[in-house]
């Protein structure tokens, strides 16, 4: 099965980006032990402090589904409640 990537744009509440970034960093650390998660990067746009992006790479679409239903993402959703205004994910096939 082909690798699966997801690029997410996270719109954060004013003044909350640093908090969201810290929580995403903790999430990234937990993902090191999540089977099928190959890479998780947090990206900060230089010209927009209301947004955070993530680049995520999974072994395959099934691993992404495991991630979506995993404990770490559930914890992140709970911790960032009220800080995240909008999420937009783009699911991508990976070209080898």
Protein backbone atom coordinates (compact mmCIF):
# COMPACT_ATOMS: atom_id res chain seq x y z
CA UNK A 1 0.00 0.00 0.00
CA UNK A 2 1.27 3.51 -0.76
CA UNK A 3 2.33 5.96 1.91
CA UNK A 4 -0.26 8.51 2.94
CA UNK A 5 0.35 12.16 3.85
CA UNK A 6 -1.83 14.82 5.39
CA UNK A 7 -1.18 18.56 5.41
CA UNK A 8 -3.28 20.43 7.95
CA UNK A 9 -3.82 24.16 8.35
CA UNK A 10 -4.88 25.04 11.88
CA UNK A 11 -6.41 28.45 12.51
CA UNK A 12 -5.87 29.40 16.15
CA UNK A 13 -7.58 31.93 18.38
CA UNK A 14 -5.76 35.26 18.72
CA UNK A 15 -2.87 35.05 21.17
CA UNK A 16 -3.04 31.25 21.46
CA UNK A 17 -0.52 30.11 18.84
CA UNK A 18 2.35 29.53 21.29
CA UNK A 19 0.12 27.37 23.50
CA UNK A 20 -1.11 25.34 20.53
CA UNK A 21 2.46 24.87 19.28
CA UNK A 22 3.58 23.58 22.69
CA UNK A 23 0.69 21.10 22.74
CA UNK A 24 1.49 19.99 19.18
CA UNK A 25 5.13 19.45 20.21
CA UNK A 26 3.98 17.15 23.03
CA UNK A 27 1.68 15.36 20.57
CA UNK A 28 4.61 14.90 18.17
CA UNK A 29 6.67 13.30 20.95
CA UNK A 30 3.87 10.85 21.75
CA UNK A 31 3.52 9.91 18.07
CA UNK A 32 7.03 8.41 18.06
CA UNK A 33 5.47 5.31 19.60
CA UNK A 34 2.36 5.26 17.40
CA UNK A 35 2.62 2.39 14.90
CA UNK A 36 2.42 3.52 11.28
CA UNK A 37 3.14 7.18 11.94
CA UNK A 38 6.34 7.91 10.02
CA UNK A 39 6.69 11.68 10.38
CA UNK A 40 4.93 14.59 12.07
CA UNK A 41 6.21 18.13 11.64
CA UNK A 42 4.85 21.42 12.98
CA UNK A 43 5.28 24.40 10.65
CA UNK A 44 4.85 28.09 11.47
CA UNK A 45 4.00 30.54 8.67
CA UNK A 46 6.29 33.56 8.93
CA UNK A 47 3.62 36.01 7.79
CA UNK A 48 0.54 34.81 9.72
CA UNK A 49 0.58 34.28 13.48
CA UNK A 50 -2.99 32.96 13.50
CA UNK A 51 -2.05 29.74 11.70
CA UNK A 52 -0.05 26.59 12.37
CA UNK A 53 0.49 23.85 9.80
CA UNK A 54 1.30 20.21 10.27
CA UNK A 55 2.86 17.81 7.80
CA UNK A 56 2.07 14.20 8.60
CA UNK A 57 3.29 11.01 6.92
CA UNK A 58 1.82 7.56 7.53
CA UNK A 59 2.72 4.07 6.36
CA UNK A 60 -0.64 3.90 4.57
CA UNK A 61 -4.24 5.11 4.81
CA UNK A 62 -5.01 2.46 7.43
CA UNK A 63 -2.27 3.86 9.70
CA UNK A 64 -3.81 7.31 9.27
CA UNK A 65 -7.17 5.92 10.42
CA UNK A 66 -5.46 4.43 13.49
CA UNK A 67 -3.97 7.87 14.18
CA UNK A 68 -7.37 9.58 13.84
CA UNK A 69 -8.82 7.26 16.47
CA UNK A 70 -5.75 7.20 18.72
CA UNK A 71 -5.33 8.38 22.28
CA UNK A 72 -2.80 11.10 21.47
CA UNK A 73 -5.06 12.89 19.00
CA UNK A 74 -8.00 12.62 21.40
CA UNK A 75 -5.83 14.20 24.11
CA UNK A 76 -4.71 16.98 21.74
CA UNK A 77 -8.30 17.76 20.77
CA UNK A 78 -9.25 18.03 24.43
CA UNK A 79 -6.24 20.18 25.32
CA UNK A 80 -6.75 22.62 22.43
CA UNK A 81 -10.51 23.02 22.84
CA UNK A 82 -11.36 26.70 22.51
CA UNK A 83 -7.95 27.49 21.00
CA UNK A 84 -8.45 25.97 17.55
CA UNK A 85 -10.94 27.92 15.46
CA UNK A 86 -10.76 25.94 12.23
CA UNK A 87 -8.96 22.93 10.72
CA UNK A 88 -8.43 22.20 7.05
CA UNK A 89 -6.70 18.97 6.05
CA UNK A 90 -5.49 17.97 2.61
CA UNK A 91 -5.02 14.22 2.14
CA UNK A 92 -2.17 13.45 -0.24
CA UNK A 93 -0.72 10.50 -2.09
CA UNK A 94 3.06 10.30 -1.82
CA UNK A 95 5.08 10.09 -5.01
CA UNK A 96 8.12 7.86 -4.59
